[in-house]
Amino acid sequence: MNVLGSRLRQRRRQLGLRQKDVAGEESASFLSKVECGAAHPSLSNLRQWSSVLGTTASDLLGEHLVLEAAKHSILLTDQCLGYLDLLPSSELTDFLRGLTRSAASLSTPVPSPPPDPSLEYLTALVHLHRGRPDSAEEIILGTLSRARSTPWRIFHLSLLCLIYEGLSEPGKKQKAQEDLRSSLAELDHDQLLRSLSEPHLLSPVELDLIKLGAFLKHSHLFLD
């Protein structure tokens, strides 16, 4: 069963609907094949079914969610591979597959990441997990030297603090913490909302930053 089939079946069962309730008598068998991963629906089918199921076609496809889950579980190899098995093969999924395997086995080389802040972050995380904070530091410093995006500066600086903890470098750790506090202080939740990307360009990192900005905006209510 693929991602789409699994999500279709789950949503339909959540609502207590039969396949013919969603697709009609004539197309119920086709929906059954789609749910089992034996057939692929048209966009028209998806729109019709999503309307009945009270959701959207993009939510039913859900591949972006599975990819994010794979990234977040990179240190949990079996779980990560389970997510990746549901996705079409690509350079990205192949890289993540190799990276998560290297997290589980010291005899498996850690692949070199492409120049992508998210993949560099994950690679540094794996190096740190394998007890190589020096290799993790090299990657993070390389990313920070060119990455100007506030979300990624925050994420990479937070990891850098952990790296310097592992390297027993209190001076460097303090500097990284100061840079992290400075980046966090620059967050303006309302400005972040006003500067959101176009719908087709929205990224999970951008939305995570919105949540972080909202937390910082209201944190004084329970932290003061």
C-alpha atoms as a PDB file:
ATOM      1  CA  MET A   1       0.000   0.000   0.000  1.00  0.00           C
ATOM      2  CA  ASN A   2       1.373   3.447  -0.927  1.00  0.00           C
ATOM      3  CA  VAL A   3       0.976   6.759   0.903  1.00  0.00           C
ATOM      4  CA  LEU A   4      -2.124   7.775  -1.030  1.00  0.00           C
ATOM      5  CA  GLY A   5      -3.852   4.425  -0.633  1.00  0.00           C
ATOM      6  CA  SER A   6      -3.096   4.312   3.067  1.00  0.00           C
ATOM      7  CA  ARG A   7      -4.358   7.839   3.682  1.00  0.00           C
ATOM      8  CA  LEU A   8      -7.505   7.261   1.627  1.00  0.00           C
ATOM      9  CA  ARG A   9      -8.380   4.125   3.585  1.00  0.00           C
ATOM     10  CA  GLN A  10      -7.586   5.720   6.940  1.00  0.00           C
ATOM     11  CA  ARG A  11      -9.700   8.816   6.233  1.00  0.00           C
ATOM     12  CA  ARG A  12     -12.610   6.781   4.874  1.00  0.00           C
ATOM     13  CA  ARG A  13     -12.631   4.513   7.938  1.00  0.00           C
ATOM     14  CA  GLN A  14     -12.376   7.493  10.273  1.00  0.00           C
ATOM     15  CA  LEU A  15     -15.649   8.722   8.802  1.00  0.00           C
ATOM     16  CA  GLY A  16     -17.258   5.280   8.858  1.00  0.00           C
ATOM     17  CA  LEU A  17     -17.795   5.279   5.088  1.00  0.00           C
ATOM     18  CA  ARG A  18     -17.824   2.375   2.680  1.00  0.00           C
ATOM     19  CA  GLN A  19     -15.925   2.522  -0.598  1.00  0.00           C
ATOM     20  CA  LYS A  20     -19.160   2.921  -2.535  1.00  0.00           C
ATOM     21  CA  ASP A  21     -20.143   5.819  -0.260  1.00  0.00           C
ATOM     22  CA  VAL A  22     -17.024   7.653  -1.411  1.00  0.00           C
ATOM     23  CA  ALA A  23     -16.695   6.644  -5.062  1.00  0.00           C
ATOM     24  CA  GLY A  24     -20.202   5.446  -5.967  1.00  0.00           C
ATOM     25  CA  GLU A  25     -21.352   1.955  -6.864  1.00  0.00           C
ATOM     26  CA  GLU A  26     -19.626   1.889 -10.274  1.00  0.00           C
ATOM     27  CA  SER A  27     -16.215   3.110  -9.047  1.00  0.00           C
ATOM     28  CA  ALA A  28     -16.036   1.379  -5.659  1.00  0.00           C
ATOM     29  CA  SER A  29     -13.845  -1.420  -7.036  1.00  0.00           C
ATOM     30  CA  PHE A  30     -11.465   1.150  -8.543  1.00  0.00           C
ATOM     31  CA  LEU A  31     -11.180   2.929  -5.195  1.00  0.00           C
ATOM     32  CA  SER A  32     -10.416  -0.455  -3.619  1.00  0.00           C
ATOM     33  CA  LYS A  33      -7.530  -0.929  -6.060  1.00  0.00           C
ATOM     34  CA  VAL A  34      -6.232   2.575  -5.325  1.00  0.00           C
ATOM     35  CA  GLU A  35      -6.332   1.929  -1.585  1.00  0.00           C
ATOM     36  CA  CYS A  36      -4.315  -1.260  -2.113  1.00  0.00           C
ATOM     37  CA  GLY A  37      -1.796   0.526  -4.320  1.00  0.00           C
ATOM     38  CA  ALA A  38      -2.772  -1.459  -7.414  1.00  0.00           C
ATOM     39  CA  ALA A  39      -4.099   1.531  -9.371  1.00  0.00           C
ATOM     40  CA  HIS A  40      -3.529   5.273  -9.659  1.00  0.00           C
ATOM     41  CA  PRO A  41      -6.452   7.737  -9.661  1.00  0.00           C
ATOM     42  CA  SER A  42      -6.798  10.793 -11.843  1.00  0.00           C
ATOM     43  CA  LEU A  43      -6.736  14.271 -10.320  1.00  0.00           C
ATOM     44  CA  SER A  44     -10.467  14.433 -11.022  1.00  0.00           C
ATOM     45  CA  ASN A  45     -11.006  11.250  -8.970  1.00  0.00           C
ATOM     46  CA  LEU A  46      -8.937  12.658  -6.117  1.00  0.00           C
ATOM     47  CA  ARG A  47     -10.833  15.929  -6.054  1.00  0.00           C
ATOM     48  CA  GLN A  48     -14.170  14.121  -6.019  1.00  0.00           C
ATOM     49  CA  TRP A  49     -13.149  11.703  -3.267  1.00  0.00           C
ATOM     50  CA  SER A  50     -11.476  14.396  -1.148  1.00  0.00           C
ATOM     51  CA  SER A  51     -14.669  16.437  -1.268  1.00  0.00           C
ATOM     52  CA  VAL A  52     -16.683  13.486   0.069  1.00  0.00           C
ATOM     53  CA  LEU A  53     -14.001  12.823   2.694  1.00  0.00           C
ATOM     54  CA  GLY A  54     -13.915  16.440   3.828  1.00  0.00           C
ATOM     55  CA  THR A  55     -10.248  16.963   2.990  1.00  0.00           C
ATOM     56  CA  THR A  56      -8.074  18.005   0.028  1.00  0.00           C
ATOM     57  CA  ALA A  57      -6.276  16.146  -2.746  1.00  0.00           C
ATOM     58  CA  SER A  58      -2.898  17.457  -1.574  1.00  0.00           C
ATOM     59  CA  ASP A  59      -3.533  16.216   1.965  1.00  0.00           C
ATOM     60  CA  LEU A  60      -4.470  12.773   0.667  1.00  0.00           C
ATOM     61  CA  LEU A  61      -1.301  12.590  -1.431  1.00  0.00           C
ATOM     62  CA  GLY A  62       0.683  13.438   1.692  1.00  0.00           C
ATOM     63  CA  GLU A  63       4.136  12.642   0.290  1.00  0.00           C
ATOM     64  CA  HIS A  64       5.599  15.878   1.640  1.00  0.00           C
ATOM     65  CA  LEU A  65       4.486  14.874   5.135  1.00  0.00           C
ATOM     66  CA  VAL A  66       6.086  11.447   4.843  1.00  0.00           C
ATOM     67  CA  LEU A  67       9.319  13.012   3.581  1.00  0.00           C
ATOM     68  CA  GLU A  68       9.423  15.368   6.572  1.00  0.00           C
ATOM     69  CA  ALA A  69       8.771  12.428   8.902  1.00  0.00           C
ATOM     70  CA  ALA A  70      11.704  10.579   7.300  1.00  0.00           C
ATOM     71  CA  LYS A  71      13.983  13.568   7.866  1.00  0.00           C
ATOM     72  CA  HIS A  72      12.928  13.943  11.492  1.00  0.00           C
ATOM     73  CA  SER A  73      13.532  10.227  12.158  1.00  0.00           C
ATOM     74  CA  ILE A  74      16.951  10.084  10.470  1.00  0.00           C
ATOM     75  CA  LEU A  75      18.570   8.628  13.633  1.00  0.00           C
ATOM     76  CA  LEU A  76      15.864   5.932  13.908  1.00  0.00           C
ATOM     77  CA  THR A  77      16.910   3.890  10.899  1.00  0.00           C
ATOM     78  CA  ASP A  78      14.111   1.314  10.757  1.00  0.00           C
ATOM     79  CA  GLN A  79      11.455   3.991  11.161  1.00  0.00           C
ATOM     80  CA  CYS A  80      13.109   6.294   8.628  1.00  0.00           C
ATOM     81  CA  LEU A  81      13.450   3.506   6.054  1.00  0.00           C
ATOM     82  CA  GLY A  82       9.801   2.617   6.588  1.00  0.00           C
ATOM     83  CA  TYR A  83       8.824   6.153   5.597  1.00  0.00           C
ATOM     84  CA  LEU A  84      11.202   6.223   2.639  1.00  0.00           C
ATOM     85  CA  ASP A  85       9.831   2.925   1.323  1.00  0.00           C
ATOM     86  CA  LEU A  86       6.503   4.698   0.796  1.00  0.00           C
ATOM     87  CA  LEU A  87       8.036   7.365  -1.440  1.00  0.00           C
ATOM     88  CA  PRO A  88       9.118   7.272  -5.099  1.00  0.00           C
ATOM     89  CA  SER A  89      12.855   6.783  -5.553  1.00  0.00           C
ATOM     90  CA  SER A  90      14.790   9.999  -6.168  1.00  0.00           C
ATOM     91  CA  GLU A  91      18.224  11.498  -5.502  1.00  0.00           C
ATOM     92  CA  LEU A  92      16.835  12.931  -2.246  1.00  0.00           C
ATOM     93  CA  THR A  93      15.328   9.692  -0.942  1.00  0.00           C
ATOM     94  CA  ASP A  94      18.456   7.767  -1.987  1.00  0.00           C
ATOM     95  CA  PHE A  95      20.601  10.224  -0.023  1.00  0.00           C
ATOM     96  CA  LEU A  96      18.378   9.978   3.051  1.00  0.00           C
ATOM     97  CA  ARG A  97      18.424   6.186   2.805  1.00  0.00           C
ATOM     98  CA  GLY A  98      22.227   6.147   2.826  1.00  0.00           C
ATOM     99  CA  LEU A  99      22.380   8.728   5.601  1.00  0.00           C
ATOM    100  CA  THR A 100      20.043   6.892   7.964  1.00  0.00           C
ATOM    101  CA  ARG A 101      21.910   3.622   7.371  1.00  0.00           C
ATOM    102  CA  SER A 102      25.167   5.339   8.281  1.00  0.00           C
ATOM    103  CA  ALA A 103      23.523   6.476  11.528  1.00  0.00           C
ATOM    104  CA  ALA A 104      22.987   2.831  12.487  1.00  0.00           C
ATOM    105  CA  SER A 105      26.339   1.400  11.407  1.00  0.00           C
ATOM    106  CA  LEU A 106      29.810   2.822  11.996  1.00  0.00           C
ATOM    107  CA  SER A 107      31.094   0.700   9.087  1.00  0.00           C
ATOM    108  CA  THR A 108      28.789   2.536   6.673  1.00  0.00           C
ATOM    109  CA  PRO A 109      30.334   5.793   5.409  1.00  0.00           C
ATOM    110  CA  VAL A 110      28.357   8.967   6.002  1.00  0.00           C
ATOM    111  CA  PRO A 111      27.439  10.369   2.559  1.00  0.00           C
ATOM    112  CA  SER A 112      28.498  13.910   1.707  1.00  0.00           C
ATOM    113  CA  PRO A 113      25.469  16.207   1.632  1.00  0.00           C
ATOM    114  CA  PRO A 114      24.559  18.377  -1.346  1.00  0.00           C
ATOM    115  CA  PRO A 115      24.627  22.154  -0.717  1.00  0.00           C
ATOM    116  CA  ASP A 116      21.243  22.172   0.988  1.00  0.00           C
ATOM    117  CA  PRO A 117      20.937  23.531   4.568  1.00  0.00           C
ATOM    118  CA  SER A 118      18.396  20.910   5.616  1.00  0.00           C
ATOM    119  CA  LEU A 119      20.499  17.985   4.376  1.00  0.00           C
ATOM    120  CA  GLU A 120      23.695  19.484   5.772  1.00  0.00           C
ATOM    121  CA  TYR A 121      21.980  19.797   9.151  1.00  0.00           C
ATOM    122  CA  LEU A 122      20.920  16.138   9.065  1.00  0.00           C
ATOM    123  CA  THR A 123      24.396  15.017   8.008  1.00  0.00           C
ATOM    124  CA  ALA A 124      26.000  16.963  10.848  1.00  0.00           C
ATOM    125  CA  LEU A 125      23.469  15.413  13.225  1.00  0.00           C
ATOM    126  CA  VAL A 126      24.486  11.921  12.091  1.00  0.00           C
ATOM    127  CA  HIS A 127      28.181  12.729  12.530  1.00  0.00           C
ATOM    128  CA  LEU A 128      27.458  13.959  16.054  1.00  0.00           C
ATOM    129  CA  HIS A 129      25.452  10.799  16.742  1.00  0.00           C
ATOM    130  CA  ARG A 130      28.415   8.702  15.578  1.00  0.00           C
ATOM    131  CA  GLY A 131      30.742  10.507  17.973  1.00  0.00           C
ATOM    132  CA  ARG A 132      32.396  12.746  15.381  1.00  0.00           C
ATOM    133  CA  PRO A 133      31.623  16.293  16.563  1.00  0.00           C
ATOM    134  CA  ASP A 134      34.629  17.599  14.605  1.00  0.00           C
ATOM    135  CA  SER A 135      33.088  16.454  11.304  1.00  0.00           C
ATOM    136  CA  ALA A 136      29.723  17.871  12.378  1.00  0.00           C
ATOM    137  CA  GLU A 137      31.354  21.214  13.217  1.00  0.00           C
ATOM    138  CA  GLU A 138      33.003  21.419   9.789  1.00  0.00           C
ATOM    139  CA  ILE A 139      29.661  20.966   8.016  1.00  0.00           C
ATOM    140  CA  ILE A 140      27.741  23.407  10.221  1.00  0.00           C
ATOM    141  CA  LEU A 141      30.374  26.149   9.952  1.00  0.00           C
ATOM    142  CA  GLY A 142      30.365  25.738   6.180  1.00  0.00           C
ATOM    143  CA  THR A 143      26.596  26.161   6.084  1.00  0.00           C
ATOM    144  CA  LEU A 144      26.597  29.157   8.414  1.00  0.00           C
ATOM    145  CA  SER A 145      29.237  30.882   6.291  1.00  0.00           C
ATOM    146  CA  ARG A 146      26.794  31.157   3.398  1.00  0.00           C
ATOM    147  CA  ALA A 147      23.280  30.573   4.809  1.00  0.00           C
ATOM    148  CA  ARG A 148      21.494  33.852   5.504  1.00  0.00           C
ATOM    149  CA  SER A 149      18.055  32.373   6.151  1.00  0.00           C
ATOM    150  CA  THR A 150      16.962  33.060   9.741  1.00  0.00           C
ATOM    151  CA  PRO A 151      15.312  29.641  10.221  1.00  0.00           C
ATOM    152  CA  TRP A 152      18.400  27.738   9.216  1.00  0.00           C
ATOM    153  CA  ARG A 153      20.751  29.987  11.185  1.00  0.00           C
ATOM    154  CA  ILE A 154      18.688  29.209  14.287  1.00  0.00           C
ATOM    155  CA  PHE A 155      18.625  25.460  13.669  1.00  0.00           C
ATOM    156  CA  HIS A 156      22.318  25.251  12.791  1.00  0.00           C
ATOM    157  CA  LEU A 157      23.427  27.429  15.689  1.00  0.00           C
ATOM    158  CA  SER A 158      21.426  25.286  18.122  1.00  0.00           C
ATOM    159  CA  LEU A 159      23.174  22.178  16.786  1.00  0.00           C
ATOM    160  CA  LEU A 160      26.525  23.956  16.949  1.00  0.00           C
ATOM    161  CA  CYS A 161      25.984  24.476  20.685  1.00  0.00           C
ATOM    162  CA  LEU A 162      25.606  20.706  21.090  1.00  0.00           C
ATOM    163  CA  ILE A 163      28.679  20.105  18.958  1.00  0.00           C
ATOM    164  CA  TYR A 164      30.838  22.348  21.135  1.00  0.00           C
ATOM    165  CA  GLU A 165      29.450  20.550  24.166  1.00  0.00           C
ATOM    166  CA  GLY A 166      30.790  17.332  22.671  1.00  0.00           C
ATOM    167  CA  LEU A 167      34.116  18.949  21.811  1.00  0.00           C
ATOM    168  CA  SER A 168      34.462  20.420  25.334  1.00  0.00           C
ATOM    169  CA  GLU A 169      34.905  23.909  23.880  1.00  0.00           C
ATOM    170  CA  PRO A 170      33.168  26.186  26.423  1.00  0.00           C
ATOM    171  CA  GLY A 171      34.389  29.399  24.785  1.00  0.00           C
ATOM    172  CA  LYS A 172      33.093  28.438  21.343  1.00  0.00           C
ATOM    173  CA  LYS A 173      29.872  27.126  22.882  1.00  0.00           C
ATOM    174  CA  GLN A 174      29.278  30.464  24.629  1.00  0.00           C
ATOM    175  CA  LYS A 175      29.834  32.344  21.352  1.00  0.00           C
ATOM    176  CA  ALA A 176      27.409  30.035  19.534  1.00  0.00           C
ATOM    177  CA  GLN A 177      24.825  30.544  22.299  1.00  0.00           C
ATOM    178  CA  GLU A 178      25.203  34.323  22.022  1.00  0.00           C
ATOM    179  CA  ASP A 179      24.710  34.148  18.238  1.00  0.00           C
ATOM    180  CA  LEU A 180      21.669  31.922  18.764  1.00  0.00           C
ATOM    181  CA  ARG A 181      20.121  34.342  21.282  1.00  0.00           C
ATOM    182  CA  SER A 182      20.747  37.203  18.861  1.00  0.00           C
ATOM    183  CA  SER A 183      19.005  35.357  16.025  1.00  0.00           C
ATOM    184  CA  LEU A 184      16.062  34.449  18.253  1.00  0.00           C
ATOM    185  CA  ALA A 185      15.759  38.063  19.428  1.00  0.00           C
ATOM    186  CA  GLU A 186      15.360  39.170  15.800  1.00  0.00           C
ATOM    187  CA  LEU A 187      12.242  37.059  15.315  1.00  0.00           C
ATOM    188  CA  ASP A 188       9.095  39.109  14.846  1.00  0.00           C
ATOM    189  CA  HIS A 189       6.028  36.877  14.673  1.00  0.00           C
ATOM    190  CA  ASP A 190       3.806  39.468  13.008  1.00  0.00           C
ATOM    191  CA  GLN A 191       6.485  40.309  10.438  1.00  0.00           C
ATOM    192  CA  LEU A 192       6.997  36.622   9.736  1.00  0.00           C
ATOM    193  CA  LEU A 193       3.295  36.222   8.987  1.00  0.00           C
ATOM    194  CA  ARG A 194       3.321  39.208   6.646  1.00  0.00           C
ATOM    195  CA  SER A 195       6.362  37.893   4.791  1.00  0.00           C
ATOM    196  CA  LEU A 196       5.110  34.340   4.162  1.00  0.00           C
ATOM    197  CA  SER A 197       5.951  32.899   0.748  1.00  0.00           C
ATOM    198  CA  GLU A 198       3.494  32.183  -2.035  1.00  0.00           C
ATOM    199  CA  PRO A 199       1.453  29.004  -1.368  1.00  0.00           C
ATOM    200  CA  HIS A 200       3.494  26.821  -3.727  1.00  0.00           C
ATOM    201  CA  LEU A 201       6.745  27.961  -2.078  1.00  0.00           C
ATOM    202  CA  LEU A 202       5.803  27.417   1.573  1.00  0.00           C
ATOM    203  CA  SER A 203       8.249  25.167   3.394  1.00  0.00           C
ATOM    204  CA  PRO A 204       7.935  23.214   6.664  1.00  0.00           C
ATOM    205  CA  VAL A 205      10.918  25.161   8.025  1.00  0.00           C
ATOM    206  CA  GLU A 206       9.160  28.459   7.365  1.00  0.00           C
ATOM    207  CA  LEU A 207       6.073  27.248   9.205  1.00  0.00           C
ATOM    208  CA  ASP A 208       8.178  25.924  12.085  1.00  0.00           C
ATOM    209  CA  LEU A 209       9.686  29.392  12.392  1.00  0.00           C
ATOM    210  CA  ILE A 210       6.204  30.938  12.543  1.00  0.00           C
ATOM    211  CA  LYS A 211       5.387  28.617  15.446  1.00  0.00           C
ATOM    212  CA  LEU A 212       8.651  29.474  17.171  1.00  0.00           C
ATOM    213  CA  GLY A 213       7.987  33.188  16.703  1.00  0.00           C
ATOM    214  CA  ALA A 214       4.521  32.793  18.204  1.00  0.00           C
ATOM    215  CA  PHE A 215       5.981  30.911  21.174  1.00  0.00           C
ATOM    216  CA  LEU A 216       8.575  33.595  21.829  1.00  0.00           C
ATOM    217  CA  LYS A 217       5.943  36.316  21.460  1.00  0.00           C
ATOM    218  CA  HIS A 218       3.752  34.812  24.149  1.00  0.00           C
ATOM    219  CA  SER A 219       6.351  33.016  26.286  1.00  0.00           C
ATOM    220  CA  HIS A 220       6.470  35.878  28.815  1.00  0.00           C
ATOM    221  CA  LEU A 221       2.953  34.882  29.882  1.00  0.00           C
ATOM    222  CA  PHE A 222       4.313  31.788  31.611  1.00  0.00           C
ATOM    223  CA  LEU A 223       8.076  32.310  31.762  1.00  0.00           C
ATOM    224  CA  ASP A 224       8.261  35.667  33.563  1.00  0.00           C
END
